Amino acid sequence: YFDTWQLTINTGPSIIMFLMVFLIQKTQNRDTRAVR
């Protein structure tokens, strides 16, 4: 149980960062498409 909890804490921030970058890229692509 402790190992799973520790693994979640270690991978949690990485997943959040990945989602943040993904959303930022989606919004940037939409902005560039709107400008063109």
PDB file of N, CA and C in Angstrom:
ATOM      1  N   TYR A   1       0.848  -1.209   0.000  1.00  0.00           N
ATOM      2  CA  TYR A   1       0.000   0.000   0.000  1.00  0.00           C
ATOM      3  C   TYR A   1       0.873   1.246   0.000  1.00  0.00           C
ATOM      4  N   PHE A   2       1.900   1.237   0.841  1.00  0.00           N
ATOM      5  CA  PHE A   2       2.777   2.410   0.926  1.00  0.00           C
ATOM      6  C   PHE A   2       3.506   2.620  -0.403  1.00  0.00           C
ATOM      7  N   ASP A   3       3.928   1.512  -1.034  1.00  0.00           N
ATOM      8  CA  ASP A   3       4.645   1.650  -2.308  1.00  0.00           C
ATOM      9  C   ASP A   3       3.735   2.271  -3.364  1.00  0.00           C
ATOM     10  N   THR A   4       2.492   1.840  -3.421  1.00  0.00           N
ATOM     11  CA  THR A   4       1.557   2.384  -4.410  1.00  0.00           C
ATOM     12  C   THR A   4       1.325   3.861  -4.150  1.00  0.00           C
ATOM     13  N   TRP A   5       1.186   4.228  -2.869  1.00  0.00           N
ATOM     14  CA  TRP A   5       0.948   5.633  -2.515  1.00  0.00           C
ATOM     15  C   TRP A   5       2.153   6.484  -2.907  1.00  0.00           C
ATOM     16  N   GLN A   6       3.355   5.955  -2.649  1.00  0.00           N
ATOM     17  CA  GLN A   6       4.568   6.700  -2.994  1.00  0.00           C
ATOM     18  C   GLN A   6       4.683   6.833  -4.514  1.00  0.00           C
ATOM     19  N   LEU A   7       4.342   5.771  -5.243  1.00  0.00           N
ATOM     20  CA  LEU A   7       4.421   5.812  -6.705  1.00  0.00           C
ATOM     21  C   LEU A   7       3.448   6.853  -7.252  1.00  0.00           C
ATOM     22  N   THR A   8       2.257   6.931  -6.660  1.00  0.00           N
ATOM     23  CA  THR A   8       1.266   7.915  -7.119  1.00  0.00           C
ATOM     24  C   THR A   8       1.781   9.327  -6.892  1.00  0.00           C
ATOM     25  N   ILE A   9       2.417   9.559  -5.746  1.00  0.00           N
ATOM     26  CA  ILE A   9       2.935  10.903  -5.447  1.00  0.00           C
ATOM     27  C   ILE A   9       4.066  11.247  -6.420  1.00  0.00           C
ATOM     28  N   ASN A  10       4.856  10.256  -6.803  1.00  0.00           N
ATOM     29  CA  ASN A  10       5.977  10.522  -7.712  1.00  0.00           C
ATOM     30  C   ASN A  10       5.491  10.767  -9.140  1.00  0.00           C
ATOM     31  N   THR A  11       4.489  10.022  -9.581  1.00  0.00           N
ATOM     32  CA  THR A  11       4.025  10.146 -10.966  1.00  0.00           C
ATOM     33  C   THR A  11       2.950  11.209 -11.112  1.00  0.00           C
ATOM     34  N   GLY A  12       2.285  11.581 -10.024  1.00  0.00           N
ATOM     35  CA  GLY A  12       1.215  12.588 -10.080  1.00  0.00           C
ATOM     36  C   GLY A  12       1.665  13.879 -10.743  1.00  0.00           C
ATOM     37  N   PRO A  13       2.690  14.554 -10.217  1.00  0.00           N
ATOM     38  CA  PRO A  13       3.159  15.822 -10.806  1.00  0.00           C
ATOM     39  C   PRO A  13       3.541  15.664 -12.276  1.00  0.00           C
ATOM     40  N   SER A  14       4.125  14.530 -12.645  1.00  0.00           N
ATOM     41  CA  SER A  14       4.525  14.335 -14.047  1.00  0.00           C
ATOM     42  C   SER A  14       3.294  14.302 -14.940  1.00  0.00           C
ATOM     43  N   ILE A  15       2.246  13.604 -14.483  1.00  0.00           N
ATOM     44  CA  ILE A  15       1.012  13.531 -15.280  1.00  0.00           C
ATOM     45  C   ILE A  15       0.380  14.907 -15.383  1.00  0.00           C
ATOM     46  N   ILE A  16       0.389  15.659 -14.282  1.00  0.00           N
ATOM     47  CA  ILE A  16      -0.202  17.004 -14.288  1.00  0.00           C
ATOM     48  C   ILE A  16       0.573  17.901 -15.257  1.00  0.00           C
ATOM     49  N   MET A  17       1.897  17.817 -15.229  1.00  0.00           N
ATOM     50  CA  MET A  17       2.709  18.633 -16.140  1.00  0.00           C
ATOM     51  C   MET A  17       2.392  18.270 -17.591  1.00  0.00           C
ATOM     52  N   PHE A  18       2.267  16.957 -17.871  1.00  0.00           N
ATOM     53  CA  PHE A  18       1.966  16.505 -19.232  1.00  0.00           C
ATOM     54  C   PHE A  18       0.625  17.065 -19.696  1.00  0.00           C
ATOM     55  N   LEU A  19      -0.381  17.020 -18.812  1.00  0.00           N
ATOM     56  CA  LEU A  19      -1.700  17.542 -19.183  1.00  0.00           C
ATOM     57  C   LEU A  19      -1.641  19.045 -19.401  1.00  0.00           C
ATOM     58  N   MET A  20      -0.889  19.764 -18.557  1.00  0.00           N
ATOM     59  CA  MET A  20      -0.784  21.220 -18.699  1.00  0.00           C
ATOM     60  C   MET A  20      -0.157  21.563 -20.051  1.00  0.00           C
ATOM     61  N   VAL A  21       0.932  20.889 -20.410  1.00  0.00           N
ATOM     62  CA  VAL A  21       1.600  21.157 -21.694  1.00  0.00           C
ATOM     63  C   VAL A  21       0.654  20.830 -22.844  1.00  0.00           C
ATOM     64  N   PHE A  22      -0.091  19.721 -22.709  1.00  0.00           N
ATOM     65  CA  PHE A  22      -1.021  19.323 -23.770  1.00  0.00           C
ATOM     66  C   PHE A  22      -2.090  20.391 -23.973  1.00  0.00           C
ATOM     67  N   LEU A  23      -2.654  20.895 -22.877  1.00  0.00           N
ATOM     68  CA  LEU A  23      -3.701  21.922 -22.986  1.00  0.00           C
ATOM     69  C   LEU A  23      -3.128  23.216 -23.549  1.00  0.00           C
ATOM     70  N   ILE A  24      -1.921  23.590 -23.129  1.00  0.00           N
ATOM     71  CA  ILE A  24      -1.306  24.832 -23.622  1.00  0.00           C
ATOM     72  C   ILE A  24      -1.076  24.723 -25.130  1.00  0.00           C
ATOM     73  N   GLN A  25      -0.591  23.567 -25.594  1.00  0.00           N
ATOM     74  CA  GLN A  25      -0.359  23.395 -27.028  1.00  0.00           C
ATOM     75  C   GLN A  25      -1.675  23.461 -27.791  1.00  0.00           C
ATOM     76  N   LYS A  26      -2.738  22.882 -27.232  1.00  0.00           N
ATOM     77  CA  LYS A  26      -4.039  22.927 -27.914  1.00  0.00           C
ATOM     78  C   LYS A  26      -4.517  24.364 -28.053  1.00  0.00           C
ATOM     79  N   THR A  27      -4.387  25.152 -26.989  1.00  0.00           N
ATOM     80  CA  THR A  27      -4.848  26.544 -27.046  1.00  0.00           C
ATOM     81  C   THR A  27      -3.966  27.341 -28.006  1.00  0.00           C
ATOM     82  N   GLN A  28      -2.662  27.079 -28.020  1.00  0.00           N
ATOM     83  CA  GLN A  28      -1.764  27.808 -28.919  1.00  0.00           C
ATOM     84  C   GLN A  28      -2.106  27.474 -30.368  1.00  0.00           C
ATOM     85  N   ASN A  29      -2.376  26.209 -30.661  1.00  0.00           N
ATOM     86  CA  ASN A  29      -2.725  25.823 -32.033  1.00  0.00           C
ATOM     87  C   ASN A  29      -4.009  26.521 -32.455  1.00  0.00           C
ATOM     88  N   ARG A  30      -4.975  26.617 -31.545  1.00  0.00           N
ATOM     89  CA  ARG A  30      -6.236  27.265 -31.873  1.00  0.00           C
ATOM     90  C   ARG A  30      -6.002  28.750 -32.136  1.00  0.00           C
ATOM     91  N   ASP A  31      -5.128  29.379 -31.341  1.00  0.00           N
ATOM     92  CA  ASP A  31      -4.860  30.813 -31.517  1.00  0.00           C
ATOM     93  C   ASP A  31      -4.185  31.068 -32.866  1.00  0.00           C
ATOM     94  N   THR A  32      -3.186  30.272 -33.213  1.00  0.00           N
ATOM     95  CA  THR A  32      -2.477  30.485 -34.476  1.00  0.00           C
ATOM     96  C   THR A  32      -3.432  30.255 -35.642  1.00  0.00           C
ATOM     97  N   ARG A  33      -4.318  29.272 -35.525  1.00  0.00           N
ATOM     98  CA  ARG A  33      -5.259  28.997 -36.603  1.00  0.00           C
ATOM     99  C   ARG A  33      -6.228  30.172 -36.753  1.00  0.00           C
ATOM    100  N   ALA A  34      -6.630  30.763 -35.637  1.00  0.00           N
ATOM    101  CA  ALA A  34      -7.567  31.894 -35.685  1.00  0.00           C
ATOM    102  C   ALA A  34      -6.883  33.108 -36.318  1.00  0.00           C
ATOM    103  N   VAL A  35      -5.597  33.306 -36.002  1.00  0.00           N
ATOM    104  CA  VAL A  35      -4.880  34.458 -36.553  1.00  0.00           C
ATOM    105  C   VAL A  35      -4.776  34.315 -38.071  1.00  0.00           C
ATOM    106  N   ARG A  36      -4.462  33.116 -38.534  1.00  0.00           N
ATOM    107  CA  ARG A  36      -4.338  32.908 -39.971  1.00  0.00           C
ATOM    108  C   ARG A  36      -5.715  32.973 -40.628  1.00  0.00           C
TER     109      ARG A  36
END
